[in-house]
Amino acid sequence: MKAAILGCGYVGKAVAQLWKTQGIHITATTTSSDRVSDLQTVADAVQVVNGSDADGIAALLQDQDTLLICVGAGRQANYEDVYLRTAQTVVGALDRASNLKQIIFTSSYSVYGNYDGAWVREDDPVKPATDNARIMAETEQTLLGAATPDRQVGIFRLGGIYGPGRELAKIYSRAAGTTRPGSGHEGSNWIHLDDIVGAIAHAQTHSLSGLYNLVQDEIPTVRELIDRVCQANDLDPVQWDPSQPSARPYNVRVSNQKLKAAGYTFRHSTFEGI
């Protein structure tokens, strides 16, 4: 079994570590030659390639059985370049990737937009509230359009990611002692790194296809979660100003029942210890 990981950052590297222990031959990619030596510790081969490099992507996909696309955009990155063009390049190279039987893509629950806190499932319409979310939704459709009877395409809509090095206390420490706009009533959908890795491995093993929400069971409001994090970590509490409009353009509670029905068991279904 051979797998390529296009975008081997926080999530991709963790998946590579697991897959390598399972005997899967891993080819990892990076856009920076500075990361090659680091990725060589978790992958059998490392390729420096940009998502818009048609020849580079075609070379990557040759002889691969599975492709995991988990590219990430920094705060200043162009989503269209990072996500949509990468997906378009991959799809354009598929006629030269006859062995590829599976594509897995890590998307975001932000594609749902604002449902005023209502629960959403995978068959609910997307209502992107930002340009970035719109591009993510378009990326999903680009990849789903590449599915065939012989090639599965599975897409995970992730919640906010936390885990080792991305602890909630670290994430919210900058908010401690500040006043935030709004009332903090929006749903706070999160997923632990362990479950991202676990769900991707489950998808690879069971050839999952289609859309799957990937968030944990427990979905407090933003206010409830920040209060708990601050109390548990002796941080100054956050105040809220309901007279100001919330800075969050989306408000949903995301159901993970479809993934559970597909046989996945969450390791972190709730926040533990905060």
C-alpha atoms as a PDB file:
ATOM      1  CA  MET A   1       0.000   0.000   0.000  1.00  0.00           C
ATOM      2  CA  LYS A   2       1.290   3.426  -0.970  1.00  0.00           C
ATOM      3  CA  ALA A   3      -0.064   6.788   0.176  1.00  0.00           C
ATOM      4  CA  ALA A   4       0.857  10.370  -0.660  1.00  0.00           C
ATOM      5  CA  ILE A   5       0.193  13.185   1.787  1.00  0.00           C
ATOM      6  CA  LEU A   6      -0.175  16.530   0.062  1.00  0.00           C
ATOM      7  CA  GLY A   7       0.491  19.065   2.793  1.00  0.00           C
ATOM      8  CA  CYS A   8       2.327  17.460   5.693  1.00  0.00           C
ATOM      9  CA  GLY A   9       1.860  19.949   8.518  1.00  0.00           C
ATOM     10  CA  TYR A  10       0.273  19.466  11.940  1.00  0.00           C
ATOM     11  CA  VAL A  11      -2.313  16.941  10.721  1.00  0.00           C
ATOM     12  CA  GLY A  12      -0.456  15.384   7.802  1.00  0.00           C
ATOM     13  CA  LYS A  13       2.644  14.622   9.820  1.00  0.00           C
ATOM     14  CA  ALA A  14       0.587  12.896  12.524  1.00  0.00           C
ATOM     15  CA  VAL A  15      -1.185  10.770   9.904  1.00  0.00           C
ATOM     16  CA  ALA A  16       2.167   9.877   8.350  1.00  0.00           C
ATOM     17  CA  GLN A  17       3.456   8.688  11.717  1.00  0.00           C
ATOM     18  CA  LEU A  18       0.487   6.350  12.127  1.00  0.00           C
ATOM     19  CA  TRP A  19       0.453   5.054   8.570  1.00  0.00           C
ATOM     20  CA  LYS A  20       4.154   4.298   8.649  1.00  0.00           C
ATOM     21  CA  THR A  21       3.658   2.073  11.706  1.00  0.00           C
ATOM     22  CA  GLN A  22       0.999   0.226   9.692  1.00  0.00           C
ATOM     23  CA  GLY A  23       3.465  -0.556   6.926  1.00  0.00           C
ATOM     24  CA  ILE A  24       2.099   1.953   4.418  1.00  0.00           C
ATOM     25  CA  HIS A  25       4.734   3.492   2.138  1.00  0.00           C
ATOM     26  CA  ILE A  26       4.454   7.263   2.652  1.00  0.00           C
ATOM     27  CA  THR A  27       5.399  10.054   0.272  1.00  0.00           C
ATOM     28  CA  ALA A  28       5.087  13.397   2.058  1.00  0.00           C
ATOM     29  CA  THR A  29       5.105  16.809   0.416  1.00  0.00           C
ATOM     30  CA  THR A  30       6.083  20.271   1.481  1.00  0.00           C
ATOM     31  CA  THR A  31       6.341  23.600  -0.286  1.00  0.00           C
ATOM     32  CA  SER A  32       9.549  24.423   1.590  1.00  0.00           C
ATOM     33  CA  SER A  33      12.879  22.658   1.192  1.00  0.00           C
ATOM     34  CA  ASP A  34      13.611  23.632   4.810  1.00  0.00           C
ATOM     35  CA  ARG A  35      11.168  20.971   6.024  1.00  0.00           C
ATOM     36  CA  VAL A  36      12.541  18.033   4.026  1.00  0.00           C
ATOM     37  CA  SER A  37      14.803  16.664   6.764  1.00  0.00           C
ATOM     38  CA  ASP A  38      12.009  16.916   9.335  1.00  0.00           C
ATOM     39  CA  LEU A  39       9.555  15.002   7.141  1.00  0.00           C
ATOM     40  CA  GLN A  40      12.106  12.332   6.342  1.00  0.00           C
ATOM     41  CA  THR A  41      11.668  11.162   9.936  1.00  0.00           C
ATOM     42  CA  VAL A  42       8.035  10.153   9.257  1.00  0.00           C
ATOM     43  CA  ALA A  43       7.966   9.442   5.503  1.00  0.00           C
ATOM     44  CA  ASP A  44       9.718   7.083   3.122  1.00  0.00           C
ATOM     45  CA  ALA A  45      10.041   9.831   0.512  1.00  0.00           C
ATOM     46  CA  VAL A  46       9.651  13.610   0.550  1.00  0.00           C
ATOM     47  CA  GLN A  47       8.779  15.771  -2.437  1.00  0.00           C
ATOM     48  CA  VAL A  48       8.938  19.567  -2.589  1.00  0.00           C
ATOM     49  CA  VAL A  49       5.950  20.584  -4.679  1.00  0.00           C
ATOM     50  CA  ASN A  50       3.478  23.440  -4.983  1.00  0.00           C
ATOM     51  CA  GLY A  51      -0.220  22.757  -5.406  1.00  0.00           C
ATOM     52  CA  SER A  52      -0.284  24.502  -8.779  1.00  0.00           C
ATOM     53  CA  ASP A  53       2.627  22.450 -10.184  1.00  0.00           C
ATOM     54  CA  ALA A  54       0.870  20.134 -12.639  1.00  0.00           C
ATOM     55  CA  ASP A  55       3.943  18.059 -13.479  1.00  0.00           C
ATOM     56  CA  GLY A  56       4.991  17.822  -9.840  1.00  0.00           C
ATOM     57  CA  ILE A  57       1.537  16.671  -8.738  1.00  0.00           C
ATOM     58  CA  ALA A  58       1.362  14.160 -11.591  1.00  0.00           C
ATOM     59  CA  ALA A  59       4.730  12.757 -10.533  1.00  0.00           C
ATOM     60  CA  LEU A  60       3.545  12.562  -6.924  1.00  0.00           C
ATOM     61  CA  LEU A  61       0.434  10.584  -7.813  1.00  0.00           C
ATOM     62  CA  GLN A  62       2.123   7.945  -9.944  1.00  0.00           C
ATOM     63  CA  ASP A  63       1.805   4.494  -8.357  1.00  0.00           C
ATOM     64  CA  GLN A  64      -0.033   5.836  -5.286  1.00  0.00           C
ATOM     65  CA  ASP A  65      -3.072   4.011  -3.904  1.00  0.00           C
ATOM     66  CA  THR A  66      -4.295   6.791  -1.606  1.00  0.00           C
ATOM     67  CA  LEU A  67      -3.941  10.574  -1.628  1.00  0.00           C
ATOM     68  CA  LEU A  68      -4.538  12.613   1.511  1.00  0.00           C
ATOM     69  CA  ILE A  69      -4.916  16.336   0.865  1.00  0.00           C
ATOM     70  CA  CYS A  70      -4.506  18.249   4.117  1.00  0.00           C
ATOM     71  CA  VAL A  71      -2.930  21.470   2.958  1.00  0.00           C
ATOM     72  CA  GLY A  72      -3.193  24.419   5.318  1.00  0.00           C
ATOM     73  CA  ALA A  73      -3.436  28.141   4.788  1.00  0.00           C
ATOM     74  CA  GLY A  74      -1.712  30.552   7.130  1.00  0.00           C
ATOM     75  CA  ARG A  75      -3.366  33.764   8.172  1.00  0.00           C
ATOM     76  CA  GLN A  76      -2.052  35.667   5.169  1.00  0.00           C
ATOM     77  CA  ALA A  77      -2.361  32.835   2.636  1.00  0.00           C
ATOM     78  CA  ASN A  78      -4.584  32.969  -0.411  1.00  0.00           C
ATOM     79  CA  TYR A  79      -7.256  30.291  -0.018  1.00  0.00           C
ATOM     80  CA  GLU A  80      -7.832  30.050  -3.740  1.00  0.00           C
ATOM     81  CA  ASP A  81      -4.162  29.221  -4.317  1.00  0.00           C
ATOM     82  CA  VAL A  82      -3.829  26.859  -1.364  1.00  0.00           C
ATOM     83  CA  TYR A  83      -7.086  24.915  -1.677  1.00  0.00           C
ATOM     84  CA  LEU A  84      -8.958  25.347  -4.938  1.00  0.00           C
ATOM     85  CA  ARG A  85      -6.002  25.405  -7.313  1.00  0.00           C
ATOM     86  CA  THR A  86      -4.453  22.449  -5.552  1.00  0.00           C
ATOM     87  CA  ALA A  87      -7.669  20.474  -6.002  1.00  0.00           C
ATOM     88  CA  GLN A  88      -7.898  21.515  -9.641  1.00  0.00           C
ATOM     89  CA  THR A  89      -4.296  20.452 -10.233  1.00  0.00           C
ATOM     90  CA  VAL A  90      -4.923  17.078  -8.599  1.00  0.00           C
ATOM     91  CA  VAL A  91      -8.051  16.454 -10.656  1.00  0.00           C
ATOM     92  CA  GLY A  92      -6.194  17.448 -13.804  1.00  0.00           C
ATOM     93  CA  ALA A  93      -3.502  14.863 -13.074  1.00  0.00           C
ATOM     94  CA  LEU A  94      -5.817  11.920 -12.401  1.00  0.00           C
ATOM     95  CA  ASP A  95      -5.629  10.601 -15.954  1.00  0.00           C
ATOM     96  CA  ARG A  96      -1.961   9.889 -15.205  1.00  0.00           C
ATOM     97  CA  ALA A  97      -2.692   8.228 -11.846  1.00  0.00           C
ATOM     98  CA  SER A  98      -4.278   4.947 -12.838  1.00  0.00           C
ATOM     99  CA  ASN A  99      -3.510   3.239  -9.516  1.00  0.00           C
ATOM    100  CA  LEU A 100      -5.110   5.908  -7.328  1.00  0.00           C
ATOM    101  CA  LYS A 101      -8.163   4.436  -5.653  1.00  0.00           C
ATOM    102  CA  GLN A 102      -8.876   6.975  -2.943  1.00  0.00           C
ATOM    103  CA  ILE A 103      -8.703  10.704  -2.229  1.00  0.00           C
ATOM    104  CA  ILE A 104      -9.267  12.083   1.279  1.00  0.00           C
ATOM    105  CA  PHE A 105      -9.551  15.831   1.868  1.00  0.00           C
ATOM    106  CA  THR A 106      -9.687  17.774   5.133  1.00  0.00           C
ATOM    107  CA  SER A 107     -12.177  20.622   4.735  1.00  0.00           C
ATOM    108  CA  SER A 108     -13.871  22.844   7.316  1.00  0.00           C
ATOM    109  CA  TYR A 109     -17.288  23.087   8.920  1.00  0.00           C
ATOM    110  CA  SER A 110     -17.187  26.810   8.088  1.00  0.00           C
ATOM    111  CA  VAL A 111     -18.811  25.939   4.746  1.00  0.00           C
ATOM    112  CA  TYR A 112     -22.152  25.633   6.580  1.00  0.00           C
ATOM    113  CA  GLY A 113     -22.235  29.347   7.391  1.00  0.00           C
ATOM    114  CA  ASN A 114     -24.856  30.723   9.758  1.00  0.00           C
ATOM    115  CA  TYR A 115     -27.685  28.426  10.866  1.00  0.00           C
ATOM    116  CA  ASP A 116     -28.400  30.497  13.993  1.00  0.00           C
ATOM    117  CA  GLY A 117     -27.046  27.739  16.210  1.00  0.00           C
ATOM    118  CA  ALA A 118     -29.145  24.938  14.704  1.00  0.00           C
ATOM    119  CA  TRP A 119     -27.760  21.446  14.199  1.00  0.00           C
ATOM    120  CA  VAL A 120     -26.477  20.641  10.718  1.00  0.00           C
ATOM    121  CA  ARG A 121     -25.791  17.377   8.949  1.00  0.00           C
ATOM    122  CA  GLU A 122     -23.896  16.587   5.781  1.00  0.00           C
ATOM    123  CA  ASP A 123     -27.038  16.797   3.636  1.00  0.00           C
ATOM    124  CA  ASP A 124     -27.848  20.343   4.773  1.00  0.00           C
ATOM    125  CA  PRO A 125     -27.040  23.062   2.209  1.00  0.00           C
ATOM    126  CA  VAL A 126     -23.777  24.946   2.604  1.00  0.00           C
ATOM    127  CA  LYS A 127     -24.159  28.697   3.112  1.00  0.00           C
ATOM    128  CA  PRO A 128     -20.615  30.084   3.133  1.00  0.00           C
ATOM    129  CA  ALA A 129     -20.491  33.410   4.961  1.00  0.00           C
ATOM    130  CA  THR A 130     -16.961  34.370   3.898  1.00  0.00           C
ATOM    131  CA  ASP A 131     -14.916  34.239   0.704  1.00  0.00           C
ATOM    132  CA  ASN A 132     -12.616  31.665   2.278  1.00  0.00           C
ATOM    133  CA  ALA A 133     -15.529  29.393   3.179  1.00  0.00           C
ATOM    134  CA  ARG A 134     -16.931  29.794  -0.340  1.00  0.00           C
ATOM    135  CA  ILE A 135     -13.594  28.717  -1.815  1.00  0.00           C
ATOM    136  CA  MET A 136     -13.511  25.732   0.550  1.00  0.00           C
ATOM    137  CA  ALA A 137     -16.981  24.660  -0.584  1.00  0.00           C
ATOM    138  CA  GLU A 138     -15.915  24.988  -4.221  1.00  0.00           C
ATOM    139  CA  THR A 139     -12.831  22.896  -3.467  1.00  0.00           C
ATOM    140  CA  GLU A 140     -15.044  20.169  -2.019  1.00  0.00           C
ATOM    141  CA  GLN A 141     -17.167  20.072  -5.162  1.00  0.00           C
ATOM    142  CA  THR A 142     -14.101  19.995  -7.405  1.00  0.00           C
ATOM    143  CA  LEU A 143     -12.828  16.891  -5.626  1.00  0.00           C
ATOM    144  CA  LEU A 144     -16.205  15.177  -5.282  1.00  0.00           C
ATOM    145  CA  GLY A 145     -16.594  15.537  -9.051  1.00  0.00           C
ATOM    146  CA  ALA A 146     -13.542  13.307  -9.484  1.00  0.00           C
ATOM    147  CA  ALA A 147     -15.193  10.304  -7.814  1.00  0.00           C
ATOM    148  CA  THR A 148     -15.733   7.245  -9.992  1.00  0.00           C
ATOM    149  CA  PRO A 149     -16.841   3.666  -9.296  1.00  0.00           C
ATOM    150  CA  ASP A 150     -13.134   2.831  -8.976  1.00  0.00           C
ATOM    151  CA  ARG A 151     -12.006   5.948  -7.087  1.00  0.00           C
ATOM    152  CA  GLN A 152     -13.450   6.967  -3.724  1.00  0.00           C
ATOM    153  CA  VAL A 153     -13.428  10.606  -2.630  1.00  0.00           C
ATOM    154  CA  GLY A 154     -13.976  11.225   1.072  1.00  0.00           C
ATOM    155  CA  ILE A 155     -14.186  14.698   2.561  1.00  0.00           C
ATOM    156  CA  PHE A 156     -14.021  15.542   6.253  1.00  0.00           C
ATOM    157  CA  ARG A 157     -15.462  18.842   7.476  1.00  0.00           C
ATOM    158  CA  LEU A 158     -13.303  19.533  10.508  1.00  0.00           C
ATOM    159  CA  GLY A 159     -14.066  21.561  13.580  1.00  0.00           C
ATOM    160  CA  GLY A 160     -11.426  23.719  15.209  1.00  0.00           C
ATOM    161  CA  ILE A 161      -8.311  21.643  15.799  1.00  0.00           C
ATOM    162  CA  TYR A 162      -6.757  21.166  19.222  1.00  0.00           C
ATOM    163  CA  GLY A 163      -4.229  18.708  20.595  1.00  0.00           C
ATOM    164  CA  PRO A 164      -0.546  18.518  21.573  1.00  0.00           C
ATOM    165  CA  GLY A 165       1.032  21.907  20.932  1.00  0.00           C
ATOM    166  CA  ARG A 166      -2.404  23.366  20.254  1.00  0.00           C
ATOM    167  CA  GLU A 167      -3.928  23.171  23.696  1.00  0.00           C
ATOM    168  CA  LEU A 168      -7.063  25.205  24.336  1.00  0.00           C
ATOM    169  CA  ALA A 169      -5.295  27.190  27.069  1.00  0.00           C
ATOM    170  CA  LYS A 170      -2.674  28.209  24.530  1.00  0.00           C
ATOM    171  CA  ILE A 171      -5.282  29.051  21.906  1.00  0.00           C
ATOM    172  CA  TYR A 172      -7.369  31.231  24.219  1.00  0.00           C
ATOM    173  CA  SER A 173      -4.584  32.766  26.309  1.00  0.00           C
ATOM    174  CA  ARG A 174      -4.543  35.874  24.112  1.00  0.00           C
ATOM    175  CA  ALA A 175      -8.232  36.429  24.796  1.00  0.00           C
ATOM    176  CA  ALA A 176      -7.810  36.289  28.576  1.00  0.00           C
ATOM    177  CA  GLY A 177      -8.753  39.551  30.275  1.00  0.00           C
ATOM    178  CA  THR A 178     -10.145  41.104  27.095  1.00  0.00           C
ATOM    179  CA  THR A 179     -13.648  42.145  26.110  1.00  0.00           C
ATOM    180  CA  ARG A 180     -15.039  40.401  23.042  1.00  0.00           C
ATOM    181  CA  PRO A 181     -17.893  41.643  20.848  1.00  0.00           C
ATOM    182  CA  GLY A 182     -21.245  39.870  21.012  1.00  0.00           C
ATOM    183  CA  SER A 183     -22.578  37.498  23.647  1.00  0.00           C
ATOM    184  CA  GLY A 184     -20.543  34.389  22.792  1.00  0.00           C
ATOM    185  CA  HIS A 185     -23.675  32.346  22.170  1.00  0.00           C
ATOM    186  CA  GLU A 186     -22.395  30.641  18.990  1.00  0.00           C
ATOM    187  CA  GLY A 187     -21.724  26.916  18.895  1.00  0.00           C
ATOM    188  CA  SER A 188     -18.069  25.964  19.390  1.00  0.00           C
ATOM    189  CA  ASN A 189     -17.242  22.918  17.261  1.00  0.00           C
ATOM    190  CA  TRP A 190     -13.859  21.296  17.930  1.00  0.00           C
ATOM    191  CA  ILE A 191     -11.969  18.108  17.102  1.00  0.00           C
ATOM    192  CA  HIS A 192      -8.880  16.613  18.736  1.00  0.00           C
ATOM    193  CA  LEU A 193      -5.868  15.743  16.579  1.00  0.00           C
ATOM    194  CA  ASP A 194      -6.110  12.106  17.691  1.00  0.00           C
ATOM    195  CA  ASP A 195      -9.583  11.845  16.161  1.00  0.00           C
ATOM    196  CA  ILE A 196      -8.578  13.535  12.932  1.00  0.00           C
ATOM    197  CA  VAL A 197      -5.838  10.957  12.521  1.00  0.00           C
ATOM    198  CA  GLY A 198      -8.147   8.163  13.615  1.00  0.00           C
ATOM    199  CA  ALA A 199     -10.953   9.154  11.274  1.00  0.00           C
ATOM    200  CA  ILE A 200      -8.604   9.497   8.297  1.00  0.00           C
ATOM    201  CA  ALA A 201      -7.169   6.045   9.023  1.00  0.00           C
ATOM    202  CA  HIS A 202     -10.725   4.690   9.317  1.00  0.00           C
ATOM    203  CA  ALA A 203     -11.627   6.261   5.977  1.00  0.00           C
ATOM    204  CA  GLN A 204      -8.561   4.751   4.347  1.00  0.00           C
ATOM    205  CA  THR A 205      -9.225   1.294   5.758  1.00  0.00           C
ATOM    206  CA  HIS A 206     -12.946   1.281   4.967  1.00  0.00           C
ATOM    207  CA  SER A 207     -12.843   3.231   1.671  1.00  0.00           C
ATOM    208  CA  LEU A 208     -15.246   5.911   2.890  1.00  0.00           C
ATOM    209  CA  SER A 209     -16.623   8.245   0.253  1.00  0.00           C
ATOM    210  CA  GLY A 210     -18.716  11.400   0.354  1.00  0.00           C
ATOM    211  CA  LEU A 211     -19.022  14.059   3.036  1.00  0.00           C
ATOM    212  CA  TYR A 212     -18.424  13.482   6.742  1.00  0.00           C
ATOM    213  CA  ASN A 213     -18.502  15.963   9.600  1.00  0.00           C
ATOM    214  CA  LEU A 214     -15.533  15.534  11.910  1.00  0.00           C
ATOM    215  CA  VAL A 215     -16.260  17.203  15.248  1.00  0.00           C
ATOM    216  CA  GLN A 216     -16.524  15.836  18.768  1.00  0.00           C
ATOM    217  CA  ASP A 217     -19.816  15.269  20.605  1.00  0.00           C
ATOM    218  CA  GLU A 218     -19.553  18.124  23.069  1.00  0.00           C
ATOM    219  CA  ILE A 219     -20.413  21.505  21.539  1.00  0.00           C
ATOM    220  CA  PRO A 220     -20.621  24.253  24.168  1.00  0.00           C
ATOM    221  CA  THR A 221     -21.151  27.866  23.293  1.00  0.00           C
ATOM    222  CA  VAL A 222     -18.022  29.915  22.669  1.00  0.00           C
ATOM    223  CA  ARG A 223     -18.663  31.745  25.934  1.00  0.00           C
ATOM    224  CA  GLU A 224     -19.048  28.534  27.946  1.00  0.00           C
ATOM    225  CA  LEU A 225     -15.865  27.067  26.522  1.00  0.00           C
ATOM    226  CA  ILE A 226     -13.738  30.172  27.081  1.00  0.00           C
ATOM    227  CA  ASP A 227     -15.050  30.486  30.647  1.00  0.00           C
ATOM    228  CA  ARG A 228     -14.096  26.882  31.384  1.00  0.00           C
ATOM    229  CA  VAL A 229     -10.645  27.231  29.828  1.00  0.00           C
ATOM    230  CA  CYS A 230      -9.918  30.428  31.755  1.00  0.00           C
ATOM    231  CA  GLN A 231     -11.105  28.962  35.054  1.00  0.00           C
ATOM    232  CA  ALA A 232      -9.174  25.715  34.600  1.00  0.00           C
ATOM    233  CA  ASN A 233      -5.952  27.509  33.727  1.00  0.00           C
ATOM    234  CA  ASP A 234      -6.112  30.502  36.106  1.00  0.00           C
ATOM    235  CA  LEU A 235      -6.497  32.960  33.244  1.00  0.00           C
ATOM    236  CA  ASP A 236      -8.248  36.302  33.586  1.00  0.00           C
ATOM    237  CA  PRO A 237     -11.908  35.943  32.563  1.00  0.00           C
ATOM    238  CA  VAL A 238     -13.196  37.208  29.240  1.00  0.00           C
ATOM    239  CA  GLN A 239     -15.917  39.852  29.226  1.00  0.00           C
ATOM    240  CA  TRP A 240     -18.568  40.181  26.499  1.00  0.00           C
ATOM    241  CA  ASP A 241     -20.174  43.243  24.964  1.00  0.00           C
ATOM    242  CA  PRO A 242     -23.587  42.326  23.509  1.00  0.00           C
ATOM    243  CA  SER A 243     -23.967  45.886  22.181  1.00  0.00           C
ATOM    244  CA  GLN A 244     -21.307  45.065  19.575  1.00  0.00           C
ATOM    245  CA  PRO A 245     -21.953  42.636  16.688  1.00  0.00           C
ATOM    246  CA  SER A 246     -20.208  39.283  16.976  1.00  0.00           C
ATOM    247  CA  ALA A 247     -17.026  38.852  14.950  1.00  0.00           C
ATOM    248  CA  ARG A 248     -18.014  35.275  14.040  1.00  0.00           C
ATOM    249  CA  PRO A 249     -19.807  35.004  10.675  1.00  0.00           C
ATOM    250  CA  TYR A 250     -21.049  31.461  11.295  1.00  0.00           C
ATOM    251  CA  ASN A 251     -23.071  29.784  14.020  1.00  0.00           C
ATOM    252  CA  VAL A 252     -23.911  26.092  13.783  1.00  0.00           C
ATOM    253  CA  ARG A 253     -23.826  22.925  15.840  1.00  0.00           C
ATOM    254  CA  VAL A 254     -22.356  20.160  13.742  1.00  0.00           C
ATOM    255  CA  SER A 255     -23.606  16.568  13.963  1.00  0.00           C
ATOM    256  CA  ASN A 256     -21.073  13.731  13.798  1.00  0.00           C
ATOM    257  CA  GLN A 257     -23.660  10.943  13.616  1.00  0.00           C
ATOM    258  CA  LYS A 258     -22.895   9.947  10.018  1.00  0.00           C
ATOM    259  CA  LEU A 259     -19.262   9.196  10.835  1.00  0.00           C
ATOM    260  CA  LYS A 260     -20.286   7.198  13.898  1.00  0.00           C
ATOM    261  CA  ALA A 261     -22.744   5.241  11.760  1.00  0.00           C
ATOM    262  CA  ALA A 262     -19.818   4.450   9.437  1.00  0.00           C
ATOM    263  CA  GLY A 263     -18.144   2.696  12.347  1.00  0.00           C
ATOM    264  CA  TYR A 264     -15.793   5.313  13.768  1.00  0.00           C
ATOM    265  CA  THR A 265     -15.462   5.568  17.570  1.00  0.00           C
ATOM    266  CA  PHE A 266     -14.175   8.877  18.926  1.00  0.00           C
ATOM    267  CA  ARG A 267     -11.267   8.893  21.363  1.00  0.00           C
ATOM    268  CA  HIS A 268     -12.074  12.423  22.581  1.00  0.00           C
ATOM    269  CA  SER A 269     -15.840  12.909  22.381  1.00  0.00           C
ATOM    270  CA  THR A 270     -15.743  15.629  25.055  1.00  0.00           C
ATOM    271  CA  PHE A 271     -13.256  18.146  26.427  1.00  0.00           C
ATOM    272  CA  GLU A 272     -11.111  16.454  29.054  1.00  0.00           C
ATOM    273  CA  GLY A 273      -9.623  18.599  31.783  1.00  0.00           C
ATOM    274  CA  ILE A 274      -9.709  21.698  29.524  1.00  0.00           C
END
